[in-house]
Amino acid sequence: MAAAFFNDLSNKIGSIFGTGDSLPWTDEEMILSCEQEAFGEKSGMSKGDNSDSIMRLIWALVHSQNPTDVQRGIAMLEASLRGQGVEMERREVLYMLAVGQYRTGEYVRSRQLLDQALQIAPNFRQAATLKSLVEDKIAKDGLVGVGLAAAAAGVVASGIAAIVLGSRRR
């Protein structure tokens, strides 16, 4: 019963604050098309220098609604940072990693990555916009956490009061 109460409370609080996620989403069809392009499976494509198509694939993966795709994109970006994947501009890698971390709910890590990207390119508008979304999400999650903690304390206090009142009546 308590779990249902907290889930209901969390849903109500979430509906008040909303998600505010204005980042684009991709679907499986788009990801499949990007994979075919990146790996030279489309007609007329060569498997030579395909860094642009791999960048599009990574972009599609970190913007996916499927958490497994997002994790694949994160892994490809981390490999790129280690010099094991396609070579990309560092600020772009950091930004897309931040998008992936945002999508997985790792808001603090996302903010750290965005700070690094903004150190490299202070006028990077996409990073600044995402950082604002991340900070809003961190603040909202903090408020939801406080609300849930207060509700839990209220439930515990009500339970204790019921026990105390019940024992006094006997």
N, C-alpha and C. Protein backbone atom coordinates (compact mmCIF):
# COMPACT_ATOMS: atom_id res chain seq x y z
N MET A 1 0.82 -1.19 0.00
CA MET A 1 0.00 0.00 0.00
C MET A 1 0.87 1.26 0.00
N ALA A 2 1.93 1.25 0.80
CA ALA A 2 2.82 2.41 0.87
C ALA A 2 3.49 2.63 -0.48
N ALA A 3 3.89 1.54 -1.16
CA ALA A 3 4.55 1.67 -2.46
C ALA A 3 3.60 2.31 -3.47
N ALA A 4 2.34 1.90 -3.46
CA ALA A 4 1.37 2.49 -4.37
C ALA A 4 1.18 3.97 -4.08
N PHE A 5 1.18 4.32 -2.80
CA PHE A 5 1.06 5.73 -2.40
C PHE A 5 2.21 6.55 -2.96
N PHE A 6 3.44 6.03 -2.78
CA PHE A 6 4.62 6.76 -3.25
C PHE A 6 4.65 6.86 -4.77
N ASN A 7 4.26 5.78 -5.45
CA ASN A 7 4.22 5.83 -6.92
C ASN A 7 3.22 6.87 -7.38
N ASP A 8 2.04 6.89 -6.74
CA ASP A 8 1.01 7.86 -7.10
C ASP A 8 1.50 9.27 -6.82
N LEU A 9 2.13 9.47 -5.66
CA LEU A 9 2.65 10.79 -5.30
C LEU A 9 3.73 11.22 -6.29
N SER A 10 4.61 10.32 -6.64
CA SER A 10 5.68 10.63 -7.59
C SER A 10 5.09 11.01 -8.95
N ASN A 11 4.08 10.27 -9.41
CA ASN A 11 3.44 10.59 -10.69
C ASN A 11 2.78 11.96 -10.65
N LYS A 12 2.12 12.28 -9.53
CA LYS A 12 1.45 13.58 -9.41
C LYS A 12 2.48 14.70 -9.41
N ILE A 13 3.55 14.53 -8.66
CA ILE A 13 4.59 15.55 -8.61
C ILE A 13 5.24 15.68 -9.99
N GLY A 14 5.50 14.56 -10.64
CA GLY A 14 6.09 14.59 -11.98
C GLY A 14 5.20 15.30 -12.98
N SER A 15 3.88 15.12 -12.86
CA SER A 15 2.99 15.79 -13.79
C SER A 15 2.95 17.28 -13.55
N ILE A 16 3.18 17.69 -12.31
CA ILE A 16 3.22 19.12 -12.00
C ILE A 16 4.44 19.75 -12.64
N PHE A 17 5.59 19.12 -12.47
CA PHE A 17 6.83 19.69 -12.97
C PHE A 17 7.04 19.42 -14.44
N GLY A 18 6.55 18.32 -14.98
CA GLY A 18 6.76 17.96 -16.38
C GLY A 18 8.21 17.59 -16.64
N THR A 19 8.48 17.05 -17.82
CA THR A 19 9.85 16.64 -18.12
C THR A 19 10.65 17.75 -18.78
N GLY A 20 10.01 18.56 -19.61
CA GLY A 20 10.71 19.65 -20.25
C GLY A 20 11.81 19.20 -21.21
N ASP A 21 11.78 17.95 -21.64
CA ASP A 21 12.82 17.41 -22.51
C ASP A 21 12.52 17.84 -23.94
N SER A 22 13.30 18.79 -24.44
CA SER A 22 13.09 19.28 -25.79
C SER A 22 14.09 18.70 -26.78
N LEU A 23 14.88 17.72 -26.34
CA LEU A 23 15.84 17.08 -27.24
C LEU A 23 15.09 16.18 -28.21
N PRO A 24 15.61 16.05 -29.42
CA PRO A 24 14.95 15.17 -30.39
C PRO A 24 15.10 13.70 -30.00
N TRP A 25 14.15 12.90 -30.44
CA TRP A 25 14.17 11.45 -30.24
C TRP A 25 14.35 10.78 -31.58
N THR A 26 14.99 9.62 -31.59
CA THR A 26 15.09 8.84 -32.82
C THR A 26 14.38 7.51 -32.60
N ASP A 27 14.10 6.83 -33.70
CA ASP A 27 13.45 5.53 -33.62
C ASP A 27 14.32 4.46 -34.25
N GLU A 28 13.88 3.23 -34.18
CA GLU A 28 14.66 2.09 -34.69
C GLU A 28 14.91 2.20 -36.19
N GLU A 29 13.93 2.71 -36.92
CA GLU A 29 14.09 2.83 -38.38
C GLU A 29 15.23 3.78 -38.73
N MET A 30 15.30 4.90 -38.03
CA MET A 30 16.36 5.86 -38.28
C MET A 30 17.72 5.28 -37.91
N ILE A 31 17.77 4.57 -36.78
CA ILE A 31 19.03 3.96 -36.35
C ILE A 31 19.48 2.91 -37.36
N LEU A 32 18.55 2.09 -37.83
CA LEU A 32 18.89 1.07 -38.84
C LEU A 32 19.44 1.72 -40.11
N SER A 33 18.82 2.80 -40.54
CA SER A 33 19.30 3.51 -41.73
C SER A 33 20.71 4.05 -41.51
N CYS A 34 20.96 4.61 -40.33
CA CYS A 34 22.30 5.13 -40.02
C CYS A 34 23.32 4.01 -39.94
N GLU A 35 22.93 2.86 -39.40
CA GLU A 35 23.85 1.71 -39.33
C GLU A 35 24.22 1.23 -40.72
N GLN A 36 23.20 1.13 -41.59
CA GLN A 36 23.46 0.69 -42.95
C GLN A 36 24.40 1.65 -43.68
N GLU A 37 24.19 2.93 -43.45
CA GLU A 37 25.05 3.94 -44.07
C GLU A 37 26.47 3.86 -43.50
N ALA A 38 26.57 3.73 -42.18
CA ALA A 38 27.89 3.73 -41.52
C ALA A 38 28.72 2.51 -41.90
N PHE A 39 28.06 1.41 -42.12
CA PHE A 39 28.79 0.18 -42.40
C PHE A 39 28.77 -0.19 -43.88
N GLY A 40 28.39 0.79 -44.75
CA GLY A 40 28.48 0.62 -46.19
C GLY A 40 27.51 -0.37 -46.77
N GLU A 41 26.37 -0.55 -46.14
CA GLU A 41 25.41 -1.54 -46.63
C GLU A 41 24.39 -0.95 -47.59
N LYS A 42 24.36 0.37 -47.71
CA LYS A 42 23.44 0.99 -48.66
C LYS A 42 24.07 0.93 -50.04
N SER A 43 23.25 0.84 -51.05
CA SER A 43 23.78 0.73 -52.41
C SER A 43 24.60 1.96 -52.77
N GLY A 44 25.75 1.71 -53.37
CA GLY A 44 26.62 2.78 -53.79
C GLY A 44 27.53 3.33 -52.71
N MET A 45 27.42 2.82 -51.50
CA MET A 45 28.25 3.31 -50.40
C MET A 45 29.54 2.51 -50.35
N SER A 46 30.62 3.17 -50.07
CA SER A 46 31.89 2.47 -49.88
C SER A 46 32.17 2.38 -48.40
N LYS A 47 33.00 1.45 -48.01
CA LYS A 47 33.34 1.27 -46.61
C LYS A 47 34.59 2.06 -46.24
N GLY A 48 35.00 2.99 -47.08
CA GLY A 48 36.20 3.78 -46.83
C GLY A 48 36.01 4.71 -45.64
N ASP A 49 36.30 5.98 -45.86
CA ASP A 49 36.20 6.98 -44.80
C ASP A 49 34.72 7.28 -44.55
N ASN A 50 34.21 6.77 -43.47
CA ASN A 50 32.79 6.94 -43.18
C ASN A 50 32.57 7.62 -41.82
N SER A 51 33.48 8.52 -41.45
CA SER A 51 33.37 9.14 -40.12
C SER A 51 32.10 9.96 -39.99
N ASP A 52 31.64 10.62 -41.06
CA ASP A 52 30.40 11.39 -40.98
C ASP A 52 29.21 10.48 -40.74
N SER A 53 29.18 9.34 -41.41
CA SER A 53 28.05 8.43 -41.22
C SER A 53 28.10 7.78 -39.84
N ILE A 54 29.28 7.54 -39.31
CA ILE A 54 29.39 7.00 -37.95
C ILE A 54 28.94 8.06 -36.94
N MET A 55 29.28 9.32 -37.20
CA MET A 55 28.80 10.42 -36.34
C MET A 55 27.28 10.46 -36.34
N ARG A 56 26.66 10.31 -37.51
CA ARG A 56 25.19 10.31 -37.57
C ARG A 56 24.62 9.13 -36.81
N LEU A 57 25.27 7.96 -36.91
CA LEU A 57 24.83 6.79 -36.16
C LEU A 57 24.91 7.04 -34.66
N ILE A 58 26.03 7.58 -34.20
CA ILE A 58 26.19 7.86 -32.77
C ILE A 58 25.12 8.86 -32.32
N TRP A 59 24.90 9.89 -33.12
CA TRP A 59 23.87 10.88 -32.79
C TRP A 59 22.51 10.19 -32.65
N ALA A 60 22.18 9.34 -33.61
CA ALA A 60 20.90 8.63 -33.56
C ALA A 60 20.81 7.72 -32.33
N LEU A 61 21.91 7.07 -31.98
CA LEU A 61 21.90 6.17 -30.84
C LEU A 61 21.66 6.91 -29.52
N VAL A 62 22.38 8.01 -29.30
CA VAL A 62 22.22 8.70 -28.02
C VAL A 62 20.89 9.45 -27.92
N HIS A 63 20.22 9.65 -29.05
CA HIS A 63 18.90 10.29 -29.04
C HIS A 63 17.77 9.26 -29.12
N SER A 64 18.09 8.00 -28.96
CA SER A 64 17.10 6.93 -29.07
C SER A 64 16.21 6.86 -27.83
N GLN A 65 15.03 6.33 -28.03
CA GLN A 65 14.12 6.06 -26.92
C GLN A 65 14.44 4.72 -26.27
N ASN A 66 15.28 3.94 -26.90
CA ASN A 66 15.67 2.62 -26.40
C ASN A 66 16.95 2.74 -25.58
N PRO A 67 16.90 2.44 -24.28
CA PRO A 67 18.09 2.57 -23.43
C PRO A 67 19.29 1.76 -23.92
N THR A 68 19.06 0.63 -24.55
CA THR A 68 20.16 -0.18 -25.06
C THR A 68 20.90 0.56 -26.18
N ASP A 69 20.14 1.23 -27.05
CA ASP A 69 20.77 2.02 -28.12
C ASP A 69 21.58 3.16 -27.52
N VAL A 70 21.03 3.83 -26.51
CA VAL A 70 21.74 4.93 -25.87
C VAL A 70 23.06 4.43 -25.29
N GLN A 71 23.03 3.27 -24.64
CA GLN A 71 24.26 2.70 -24.07
C GLN A 71 25.28 2.38 -25.16
N ARG A 72 24.81 1.88 -26.31
CA ARG A 72 25.72 1.62 -27.44
C ARG A 72 26.38 2.91 -27.91
N GLY A 73 25.59 3.98 -28.01
CA GLY A 73 26.14 5.27 -28.42
C GLY A 73 27.17 5.78 -27.42
N ILE A 74 26.87 5.63 -26.12
CA ILE A 74 27.81 6.05 -25.08
C ILE A 74 29.11 5.27 -25.20
N ALA A 75 29.01 3.97 -25.43
CA ALA A 75 30.21 3.13 -25.55
C ALA A 75 31.06 3.57 -26.75
N MET A 76 30.40 3.89 -27.86
CA MET A 76 31.14 4.33 -29.05
C MET A 76 31.83 5.68 -28.78
N LEU A 77 31.16 6.56 -28.07
CA LEU A 77 31.74 7.87 -27.75
C LEU A 77 32.91 7.73 -26.78
N GLU A 78 32.77 6.86 -25.80
CA GLU A 78 33.87 6.65 -24.85
C GLU A 78 35.08 6.06 -25.55
N ALA A 79 34.83 5.16 -26.51
CA ALA A 79 35.94 4.61 -27.29
C ALA A 79 36.62 5.71 -28.10
N SER A 80 35.84 6.63 -28.62
CA SER A 80 36.40 7.75 -29.38
C SER A 80 37.28 8.62 -28.49
N LEU A 81 36.85 8.85 -27.24
CA LEU A 81 37.67 9.64 -26.32
C LEU A 81 39.00 8.96 -26.02
N ARG A 82 38.99 7.63 -26.01
CA ARG A 82 40.22 6.88 -25.75
C ARG A 82 41.07 6.72 -27.02
N GLY A 83 40.60 7.27 -28.12
CA GLY A 83 41.34 7.18 -29.38
C GLY A 83 41.15 5.85 -30.09
N GLN A 84 40.09 5.11 -29.73
CA GLN A 84 39.86 3.78 -30.31
C GLN A 84 38.73 3.77 -31.33
N GLY A 85 38.04 4.87 -31.45
CA GLY A 85 36.91 4.91 -32.38
C GLY A 85 37.15 5.95 -33.45
N VAL A 86 36.07 6.37 -34.07
CA VAL A 86 36.16 7.40 -35.10
C VAL A 86 36.63 8.70 -34.45
N GLU A 87 37.52 9.40 -35.15
CA GLU A 87 38.04 10.65 -34.62
C GLU A 87 37.00 11.75 -34.81
N MET A 88 36.66 12.41 -33.71
CA MET A 88 35.68 13.48 -33.75
C MET A 88 36.22 14.64 -32.92
N GLU A 89 35.64 15.80 -33.16
CA GLU A 89 36.01 16.97 -32.37
C GLU A 89 35.62 16.70 -30.91
N ARG A 90 36.53 16.99 -29.99
CA ARG A 90 36.34 16.66 -28.58
C ARG A 90 35.07 17.30 -28.00
N ARG A 91 34.78 18.52 -28.35
CA ARG A 91 33.59 19.16 -27.79
C ARG A 91 32.33 18.44 -28.23
N GLU A 92 32.32 17.93 -29.47
CA GLU A 92 31.16 17.18 -29.97
C GLU A 92 31.00 15.85 -29.23
N VAL A 93 32.12 15.19 -28.99
CA VAL A 93 32.08 13.92 -28.25
C VAL A 93 31.54 14.17 -26.85
N LEU A 94 32.06 15.19 -26.19
CA LEU A 94 31.61 15.51 -24.83
C LEU A 94 30.12 15.86 -24.81
N TYR A 95 29.69 16.63 -25.80
CA TYR A 95 28.27 17.00 -25.87
C TYR A 95 27.38 15.77 -26.07
N MET A 96 27.75 14.93 -27.02
CA MET A 96 26.91 13.75 -27.27
C MET A 96 26.95 12.77 -26.10
N LEU A 97 28.09 12.66 -25.44
CA LEU A 97 28.15 11.86 -24.21
C LEU A 97 27.20 12.44 -23.16
N ALA A 98 27.17 13.76 -23.06
CA ALA A 98 26.27 14.41 -22.11
C ALA A 98 24.81 14.12 -22.45
N VAL A 99 24.48 14.10 -23.74
CA VAL A 99 23.12 13.76 -24.16
C VAL A 99 22.80 12.33 -23.73
N GLY A 100 23.73 11.41 -23.99
CA GLY A 100 23.52 10.01 -23.59
C GLY A 100 23.34 9.88 -22.08
N GLN A 101 24.17 10.56 -21.32
CA GLN A 101 24.05 10.50 -19.86
C GLN A 101 22.73 11.11 -19.40
N TYR A 102 22.31 12.18 -20.04
CA TYR A 102 21.02 12.79 -19.73
C TYR A 102 19.88 11.81 -19.98
N ARG A 103 19.96 11.13 -21.13
CA ARG A 103 18.91 10.15 -21.48
C ARG A 103 18.86 8.97 -20.50
N THR A 104 20.01 8.63 -19.91
CA THR A 104 20.03 7.51 -18.96
C THR A 104 19.75 7.96 -17.53
N GLY A 105 19.53 9.26 -17.34
CA GLY A 105 19.22 9.76 -16.00
C GLY A 105 20.44 10.09 -15.16
N GLU A 106 21.61 10.08 -15.78
CA GLU A 106 22.86 10.42 -15.06
C GLU A 106 23.11 11.92 -15.22
N TYR A 107 22.29 12.71 -14.53
CA TYR A 107 22.30 14.16 -14.73
C TYR A 107 23.58 14.82 -14.24
N VAL A 108 24.11 14.38 -13.12
CA VAL A 108 25.34 14.98 -12.60
C VAL A 108 26.49 14.74 -13.57
N ARG A 109 26.60 13.52 -14.08
CA ARG A 109 27.65 13.20 -15.05
C ARG A 109 27.45 14.01 -16.33
N SER A 110 26.21 14.16 -16.75
CA SER A 110 25.91 14.95 -17.94
C SER A 110 26.37 16.39 -17.74
N ARG A 111 26.10 16.96 -16.58
CA ARG A 111 26.52 18.34 -16.30
C ARG A 111 28.05 18.47 -16.32
N GLN A 112 28.75 17.47 -15.78
CA GLN A 112 30.22 17.50 -15.79
C GLN A 112 30.75 17.51 -17.23
N LEU A 113 30.18 16.68 -18.07
CA LEU A 113 30.60 16.62 -19.47
C LEU A 113 30.32 17.94 -20.19
N LEU A 114 29.17 18.52 -19.90
CA LEU A 114 28.81 19.79 -20.53
C LEU A 114 29.75 20.91 -20.07
N ASP A 115 30.13 20.88 -18.79
CA ASP A 115 31.10 21.86 -18.31
C ASP A 115 32.42 21.74 -19.07
N GLN A 116 32.85 20.51 -19.34
CA GLN A 116 34.09 20.30 -20.10
C GLN A 116 33.94 20.83 -21.53
N ALA A 117 32.80 20.54 -22.15
CA ALA A 117 32.57 21.02 -23.52
C ALA A 117 32.54 22.54 -23.56
N LEU A 118 31.94 23.15 -22.56
CA LEU A 118 31.86 24.62 -22.52
C LEU A 118 33.20 25.26 -22.20
N GLN A 119 34.09 24.53 -21.53
CA GLN A 119 35.44 25.05 -21.33
C GLN A 119 36.18 25.12 -22.66
N ILE A 120 35.97 24.12 -23.50
CA ILE A 120 36.60 24.08 -24.81
C ILE A 120 36.00 25.15 -25.72
N ALA A 121 34.67 25.25 -25.71
CA ALA A 121 33.96 26.18 -26.59
C ALA A 121 32.89 26.91 -25.79
N PRO A 122 33.24 28.03 -25.15
CA PRO A 122 32.30 28.75 -24.29
C PRO A 122 31.01 29.20 -25.00
N ASN A 123 31.03 29.37 -26.31
CA ASN A 123 29.84 29.80 -27.06
C ASN A 123 29.07 28.65 -27.68
N PHE A 124 29.28 27.45 -27.20
CA PHE A 124 28.63 26.25 -27.72
C PHE A 124 27.18 26.24 -27.23
N ARG A 125 26.27 26.78 -28.07
CA ARG A 125 24.88 26.98 -27.65
C ARG A 125 24.15 25.69 -27.31
N GLN A 126 24.37 24.63 -28.08
CA GLN A 126 23.70 23.37 -27.78
C GLN A 126 24.08 22.88 -26.39
N ALA A 127 25.35 22.98 -26.04
CA ALA A 127 25.81 22.53 -24.73
C ALA A 127 25.21 23.40 -23.63
N ALA A 128 25.16 24.71 -23.86
CA ALA A 128 24.58 25.61 -22.85
C ALA A 128 23.09 25.32 -22.65
N THR A 129 22.39 25.06 -23.74
CA THR A 129 20.97 24.75 -23.66
C THR A 129 20.74 23.44 -22.91
N LEU A 130 21.52 22.42 -23.25
CA LEU A 130 21.38 21.14 -22.56
C LEU A 130 21.75 21.27 -21.09
N LYS A 131 22.77 22.07 -20.79
CA LYS A 131 23.17 22.26 -19.39
C LYS A 131 22.01 22.87 -18.60
N SER A 132 21.29 23.79 -19.21
CA SER A 132 20.12 24.38 -18.55
C SER A 132 19.05 23.32 -18.27
N LEU A 133 18.81 22.45 -19.25
CA LEU A 133 17.85 21.35 -19.06
C LEU A 133 18.31 20.41 -17.94
N VAL A 134 19.60 20.10 -17.93
CA VAL A 134 20.16 19.20 -16.92
C VAL A 134 20.01 19.81 -15.53
N GLU A 135 20.35 21.09 -15.41
CA GLU A 135 20.25 21.73 -14.10
C GLU A 135 18.81 21.81 -13.63
N ASP A 136 17.87 22.06 -14.55
CA ASP A 136 16.45 22.03 -14.19
C ASP A 136 16.03 20.65 -13.70
N LYS A 137 16.51 19.62 -14.40
CA LYS A 137 16.17 18.24 -14.03
C LYS A 137 16.75 17.90 -12.66
N ILE A 138 17.97 18.31 -12.40
CA ILE A 138 18.59 18.05 -11.09
C ILE A 138 17.78 18.74 -9.99
N ALA A 139 17.40 19.99 -10.24
CA ALA A 139 16.62 20.74 -9.25
C ALA A 139 15.25 20.09 -9.03
N LYS A 140 14.58 19.70 -10.11
CA LYS A 140 13.26 19.08 -9.99
C LYS A 140 13.34 17.74 -9.29
N ASP A 141 14.35 16.94 -9.64
CA ASP A 141 14.52 15.65 -8.98
C ASP A 141 14.80 15.83 -7.50
N GLY A 142 15.54 16.88 -7.15
CA GLY A 142 15.80 17.17 -5.74
C GLY A 142 14.52 17.51 -5.01
N LEU A 143 13.64 18.30 -5.66
CA LEU A 143 12.37 18.64 -5.04
C LEU A 143 11.47 17.43 -4.91
N VAL A 144 11.45 16.57 -5.92
CA VAL A 144 10.66 15.35 -5.84
C VAL A 144 11.18 14.47 -4.72
N GLY A 145 12.51 14.37 -4.59
CA GLY A 145 13.10 13.58 -3.51
C GLY A 145 12.73 14.12 -2.15
N VAL A 146 12.74 15.44 -2.00
CA VAL A 146 12.35 16.06 -0.74
C VAL A 146 10.87 15.77 -0.47
N GLY A 147 10.05 15.88 -1.49
CA GLY A 147 8.62 15.60 -1.34
C GLY A 147 8.36 14.16 -0.94
N LEU A 148 9.07 13.23 -1.56
CA LEU A 148 8.91 11.82 -1.22
C LEU A 148 9.39 11.54 0.20
N ALA A 149 10.49 12.17 0.59
CA ALA A 149 10.99 11.99 1.96
C ALA A 149 9.99 12.55 2.96
N ALA A 150 9.40 13.70 2.66
CA ALA A 150 8.40 14.28 3.56
C ALA A 150 7.16 13.38 3.64
N ALA A 151 6.74 12.85 2.50
CA ALA A 151 5.59 11.95 2.49
C ALA A 151 5.89 10.69 3.29
N ALA A 152 7.09 10.15 3.14
CA ALA A 152 7.48 8.95 3.89
C ALA A 152 7.48 9.24 5.39
N ALA A 153 8.00 10.41 5.74
CA ALA A 153 8.01 10.78 7.16
C ALA A 153 6.59 10.91 7.67
N GLY A 154 5.70 11.46 6.85
CA GLY A 154 4.30 11.58 7.24
C GLY A 154 3.64 10.23 7.44
N VAL A 155 3.92 9.29 6.56
CA VAL A 155 3.36 7.94 6.68
C VAL A 155 3.87 7.27 7.95
N VAL A 156 5.17 7.40 8.21
CA VAL A 156 5.76 6.81 9.42
C VAL A 156 5.15 7.45 10.65
N ALA A 157 5.04 8.79 10.65
CA ALA A 157 4.46 9.48 11.81
C ALA A 157 3.01 9.07 12.02
N SER A 158 2.26 8.92 10.93
CA SER A 158 0.87 8.48 11.06
C SER A 158 0.79 7.07 11.63
N GLY A 159 1.69 6.21 11.17
CA GLY A 159 1.72 4.84 11.70
C GLY A 159 2.05 4.82 13.18
N ILE A 160 3.01 5.61 13.58
CA ILE A 160 3.39 5.66 15.00
C ILE A 160 2.23 6.23 15.82
N ALA A 161 1.60 7.29 15.31
CA ALA A 161 0.46 7.88 16.02
C ALA A 161 -0.66 6.87 16.17
N ALA A 162 -0.91 6.09 15.12
CA ALA A 162 -1.98 5.08 15.20
C ALA A 162 -1.63 4.01 16.23
N ILE A 163 -0.38 3.62 16.28
CA ILE A 163 0.04 2.60 17.27
C ILE A 163 -0.10 3.16 18.67
N VAL A 164 0.37 4.39 18.88
CA VAL A 164 0.30 5.01 20.21
C VAL A 164 -1.14 5.19 20.64
N LEU A 165 -1.99 5.69 19.77
CA LEU A 165 -3.39 5.89 20.10
C LEU A 165 -4.09 4.56 20.34
N GLY A 166 -3.72 3.57 19.54
CA GLY A 166 -4.31 2.23 19.70
C GLY A 166 -3.92 1.62 21.04
N SER A 167 -2.68 1.82 21.48
CA SER A 167 -2.24 1.24 22.75
C SER A 167 -2.84 2.00 23.93
N ARG A 168 -3.14 3.26 23.80
CA ARG A 168 -3.74 4.04 24.88
C ARG A 168 -5.21 3.65 25.11
N ARG A 169 -5.86 3.24 24.05
CA ARG A 169 -7.27 2.88 24.15
C ARG A 169 -7.45 1.55 24.86
N ARG A 170 -6.43 0.74 24.90
CA ARG A 170 -6.55 -0.59 25.52
C ARG A 170 -6.41 -0.50 26.94
